[in-house]
Amino acid sequence: MLGRLNHVAIAVPDIEAAARTYRDSLGATVTAPVDVPEHGVKVVFVELANTKIELLEPLGDASPIQGFLDKNTGGGMHHLCYEVDDIIAARDRLTAEGARVLGSGEPKTGAHGKPVLFLHPKDFSGTLIELEQA
């Protein structure tokens, strides 16, 4: 069911500073910031040869990333995103096996413009999982 690792997401309190660190200190290619209001975040992607790093900054206090940063003030690893060929089939299989999908259970449009779902971290060894339609 799982395809490749699409990205590792890191919540950060200051996306410009984090992007600068990846670009200037590590020599990475970093995309321009993009607001994704449907998910309450501003994102940049650090482009790597085999995957991406997604830096997330909250868009306001209601953002789920703000809650994460309230507990982890310096930021930290937020979730892993895996590609799937058919997000609805993956959701149906996982829920039939007892996994919990966060939110309404219906895919939303993610930062790449593709359907995404999030799976409860308690069902996956404490790790928030994002599934993205490949």
C-alpha atoms as a PDB file:
ATOM      1  CA  MET A   1       0.000   0.000   0.000  1.00  0.00           C
ATOM      2  CA  LEU A   2       2.724   2.519   0.918  1.00  0.00           C
ATOM      3  CA  GLY A   3       4.679   4.204  -1.805  1.00  0.00           C
ATOM      4  CA  ARG A   4       7.718   6.354  -1.278  1.00  0.00           C
ATOM      5  CA  LEU A   5       8.342   8.697   1.625  1.00  0.00           C
ATOM      6  CA  ASN A   6       7.128  12.028   0.276  1.00  0.00           C
ATOM      7  CA  HIS A   7       8.391  14.234   3.102  1.00  0.00           C
ATOM      8  CA  VAL A   8       9.286  14.624   6.750  1.00  0.00           C
ATOM      9  CA  ALA A   9       7.490  17.591   8.309  1.00  0.00           C
ATOM     10  CA  ILE A  10       9.132  19.769  10.941  1.00  0.00           C
ATOM     11  CA  ALA A  11       7.135  22.357  12.892  1.00  0.00           C
ATOM     12  CA  VAL A  12       9.076  25.582  13.384  1.00  0.00           C
ATOM     13  CA  PRO A  13       8.323  28.816  15.237  1.00  0.00           C
ATOM     14  CA  ASP A  14       9.994  30.957  12.527  1.00  0.00           C
ATOM     15  CA  ILE A  15       9.825  29.572   8.992  1.00  0.00           C
ATOM     16  CA  GLU A  16      12.081  32.268   7.501  1.00  0.00           C
ATOM     17  CA  ALA A  17      14.860  31.512  10.010  1.00  0.00           C
ATOM     18  CA  ALA A  18      14.485  27.751   9.512  1.00  0.00           C
ATOM     19  CA  ALA A  19      14.537  28.105   5.712  1.00  0.00           C
ATOM     20  CA  ARG A  20      17.643  30.291   5.955  1.00  0.00           C
ATOM     21  CA  THR A  21      19.402  27.631   8.039  1.00  0.00           C
ATOM     22  CA  TYR A  22      18.674  24.895   5.495  1.00  0.00           C
ATOM     23  CA  ARG A  23      19.592  27.148   2.562  1.00  0.00           C
ATOM     24  CA  ASP A  24      22.643  28.974   3.947  1.00  0.00           C
ATOM     25  CA  SER A  25      24.142  26.483   6.402  1.00  0.00           C
ATOM     26  CA  LEU A  26      23.308  23.227   4.628  1.00  0.00           C
ATOM     27  CA  GLY A  27      23.276  24.459   1.020  1.00  0.00           C
ATOM     28  CA  ALA A  28      19.801  23.104   0.323  1.00  0.00           C
ATOM     29  CA  THR A  29      17.332  24.305  -2.279  1.00  0.00           C
ATOM     30  CA  VAL A  30      14.345  25.787  -0.429  1.00  0.00           C
ATOM     31  CA  THR A  31      11.025  26.776  -2.007  1.00  0.00           C
ATOM     32  CA  ALA A  32       9.275  30.069  -1.353  1.00  0.00           C
ATOM     33  CA  PRO A  33       6.812  30.112   1.564  1.00  0.00           C
ATOM     34  CA  VAL A  34       3.196  29.242   0.718  1.00  0.00           C
ATOM     35  CA  ASP A  35       0.154  29.717   2.948  1.00  0.00           C
ATOM     36  CA  VAL A  36      -2.103  26.661   3.165  1.00  0.00           C
ATOM     37  CA  PRO A  37      -5.110  28.072   5.066  1.00  0.00           C
ATOM     38  CA  GLU A  38      -7.116  24.831   4.819  1.00  0.00           C
ATOM     39  CA  HIS A  39      -4.524  23.261   7.151  1.00  0.00           C
ATOM     40  CA  GLY A  40      -3.686  26.429   9.100  1.00  0.00           C
ATOM     41  CA  VAL A  41      -0.020  26.483   8.074  1.00  0.00           C
ATOM     42  CA  LYS A  42       2.623  28.264   6.062  1.00  0.00           C
ATOM     43  CA  VAL A  43       5.013  25.805   4.378  1.00  0.00           C
ATOM     44  CA  VAL A  44       8.329  25.679   2.600  1.00  0.00           C
ATOM     45  CA  PHE A  45       9.893  22.573   1.138  1.00  0.00           C
ATOM     46  CA  VAL A  46      13.554  21.702   1.373  1.00  0.00           C
ATOM     47  CA  GLU A  47      14.314  19.756  -1.799  1.00  0.00           C
ATOM     48  CA  LEU A  48      16.495  16.649  -1.405  1.00  0.00           C
ATOM     49  CA  ALA A  49      17.574  14.051  -3.950  1.00  0.00           C
ATOM     50  CA  ASN A  50      15.339  11.319  -2.517  1.00  0.00           C
ATOM     51  CA  THR A  51      12.564  13.187  -0.623  1.00  0.00           C
ATOM     52  CA  LYS A  52      11.681  16.568   0.898  1.00  0.00           C
ATOM     53  CA  ILE A  53      11.644  18.242   4.285  1.00  0.00           C
ATOM     54  CA  GLU A  54       8.487  20.283   4.894  1.00  0.00           C
ATOM     55  CA  LEU A  55       8.900  23.189   7.297  1.00  0.00           C
ATOM     56  CA  LEU A  56       5.598  24.208   8.914  1.00  0.00           C
ATOM     57  CA  GLU A  57       4.752  27.461  10.674  1.00  0.00           C
ATOM     58  CA  PRO A  58       1.302  28.078  12.160  1.00  0.00           C
ATOM     59  CA  LEU A  59      -1.089  30.522  10.525  1.00  0.00           C
ATOM     60  CA  GLY A  60      -2.581  31.925  13.713  1.00  0.00           C
ATOM     61  CA  ASP A  61      -3.360  30.554  17.151  1.00  0.00           C
ATOM     62  CA  ALA A  62      -6.050  28.119  15.896  1.00  0.00           C
ATOM     63  CA  SER A  63      -3.504  26.198  13.803  1.00  0.00           C
ATOM     64  CA  PRO A  64      -2.840  22.605  14.915  1.00  0.00           C
ATOM     65  CA  ILE A  65       0.857  23.451  14.512  1.00  0.00           C
ATOM     66  CA  GLN A  66       0.513  26.178  17.163  1.00  0.00           C
ATOM     67  CA  GLY A  67      -0.634  23.553  19.669  1.00  0.00           C
ATOM     68  CA  PHE A  68       2.396  21.433  18.792  1.00  0.00           C
ATOM     69  CA  LEU A  69       4.728  24.427  19.216  1.00  0.00           C
ATOM     70  CA  ASP A  70       3.128  25.315  22.549  1.00  0.00           C
ATOM     71  CA  LYS A  71       4.367  21.928  23.787  1.00  0.00           C
ATOM     72  CA  ASN A  72       7.643  21.963  21.789  1.00  0.00           C
ATOM     73  CA  THR A  73       8.670  25.623  21.789  1.00  0.00           C
ATOM     74  CA  GLY A  74      11.797  25.107  19.704  1.00  0.00           C
ATOM     75  CA  GLY A  75       9.929  23.076  17.087  1.00  0.00           C
ATOM     76  CA  GLY A  76      10.447  19.462  16.107  1.00  0.00           C
ATOM     77  CA  MET A  77       9.467  16.569  13.880  1.00  0.00           C
ATOM     78  CA  HIS A  78       5.706  16.748  13.336  1.00  0.00           C
ATOM     79  CA  HIS A  79       4.762  13.982  10.864  1.00  0.00           C
ATOM     80  CA  LEU A  80       5.834  11.622   8.106  1.00  0.00           C
ATOM     81  CA  CYS A  81       4.093  11.703   4.729  1.00  0.00           C
ATOM     82  CA  TYR A  82       3.836   8.584   2.579  1.00  0.00           C
ATOM     83  CA  GLU A  83       2.461   8.366  -0.934  1.00  0.00           C
ATOM     84  CA  VAL A  84      -0.352   5.951  -1.744  1.00  0.00           C
ATOM     85  CA  ASP A  85      -1.773   5.079  -5.162  1.00  0.00           C
ATOM     86  CA  ASP A  86      -5.420   5.290  -4.045  1.00  0.00           C
ATOM     87  CA  ILE A  87      -6.097   7.355  -0.945  1.00  0.00           C
ATOM     88  CA  ILE A  88      -9.727   6.210  -0.601  1.00  0.00           C
ATOM     89  CA  ALA A  89      -8.787   2.521  -0.838  1.00  0.00           C
ATOM     90  CA  ALA A  90      -5.967   3.099   1.679  1.00  0.00           C
ATOM     91  CA  ARG A  91      -8.355   4.882   4.063  1.00  0.00           C
ATOM     92  CA  ASP A  92     -10.972   2.163   3.779  1.00  0.00           C
ATOM     93  CA  ARG A  93      -8.448  -0.612   4.364  1.00  0.00           C
ATOM     94  CA  LEU A  94      -6.893   1.152   7.354  1.00  0.00           C
ATOM     95  CA  THR A  95     -10.206   2.003   9.018  1.00  0.00           C
ATOM     96  CA  ALA A  96     -11.410  -1.576   8.497  1.00  0.00           C
ATOM     97  CA  GLU A  97      -8.299  -2.640  10.432  1.00  0.00           C
ATOM     98  CA  GLY A  98      -9.107  -0.187  13.247  1.00  0.00           C
ATOM     99  CA  ALA A  99      -6.870   2.762  12.377  1.00  0.00           C
ATOM    100  CA  ARG A 100      -8.289   6.208  13.097  1.00  0.00           C
ATOM    101  CA  VAL A 101      -8.353   8.935  10.454  1.00  0.00           C
ATOM    102  CA  LEU A 102      -8.237  12.441  11.885  1.00  0.00           C
ATOM    103  CA  GLY A 103     -10.870  15.024  11.020  1.00  0.00           C
ATOM    104  CA  SER A 104     -13.896  14.107   8.956  1.00  0.00           C
ATOM    105  CA  GLY A 105     -12.191  11.117   7.330  1.00  0.00           C
ATOM    106  CA  GLU A 106     -12.502  12.759   3.923  1.00  0.00           C
ATOM    107  CA  PRO A 107      -9.346  13.822   2.105  1.00  0.00           C
ATOM    108  CA  LYS A 108      -8.415  17.509   2.035  1.00  0.00           C
ATOM    109  CA  THR A 109      -6.144  19.206  -0.456  1.00  0.00           C
ATOM    110  CA  GLY A 110      -2.574  19.269   0.830  1.00  0.00           C
ATOM    111  CA  ALA A 111       0.359  21.597   0.175  1.00  0.00           C
ATOM    112  CA  HIS A 112       1.175  19.800  -3.096  1.00  0.00           C
ATOM    113  CA  GLY A 113      -2.399  20.255  -4.364  1.00  0.00           C
ATOM    114  CA  LYS A 114      -3.155  16.544  -3.921  1.00  0.00           C
ATOM    115  CA  PRO A 115      -5.615  14.769  -1.582  1.00  0.00           C
ATOM    116  CA  VAL A 116      -4.251  13.997   1.892  1.00  0.00           C
ATOM    117  CA  LEU A 117      -5.408  12.309   5.098  1.00  0.00           C
ATOM    118  CA  PHE A 118      -3.839  12.164   8.548  1.00  0.00           C
ATOM    119  CA  LEU A 119      -3.784   9.039  10.702  1.00  0.00           C
ATOM    120  CA  HIS A 120      -3.871   9.106  14.505  1.00  0.00           C
ATOM    121  CA  PRO A 121      -0.373   8.848  16.018  1.00  0.00           C
ATOM    122  CA  LYS A 122      -1.530   6.423  18.715  1.00  0.00           C
ATOM    123  CA  ASP A 123      -2.211   3.883  15.968  1.00  0.00           C
ATOM    124  CA  PHE A 124       1.309   4.222  14.481  1.00  0.00           C
ATOM    125  CA  SER A 125       3.855   4.010  17.312  1.00  0.00           C
ATOM    126  CA  GLY A 126       3.342   7.615  18.360  1.00  0.00           C
ATOM    127  CA  THR A 127       3.933   9.071  14.892  1.00  0.00           C
ATOM    128  CA  LEU A 128       1.438  11.260  13.045  1.00  0.00           C
ATOM    129  CA  ILE A 129       1.150   9.862   9.515  1.00  0.00           C
ATOM    130  CA  GLU A 130       0.020  11.777   6.457  1.00  0.00           C
ATOM    131  CA  LEU A 131      -1.079   9.849   3.381  1.00  0.00           C
ATOM    132  CA  GLU A 132      -0.901  11.667   0.058  1.00  0.00           C
ATOM    133  CA  GLN A 133      -2.428  10.558  -3.224  1.00  0.00           C
ATOM    134  CA  ALA A 134       0.486   9.838  -5.585  1.00  0.00           C
END
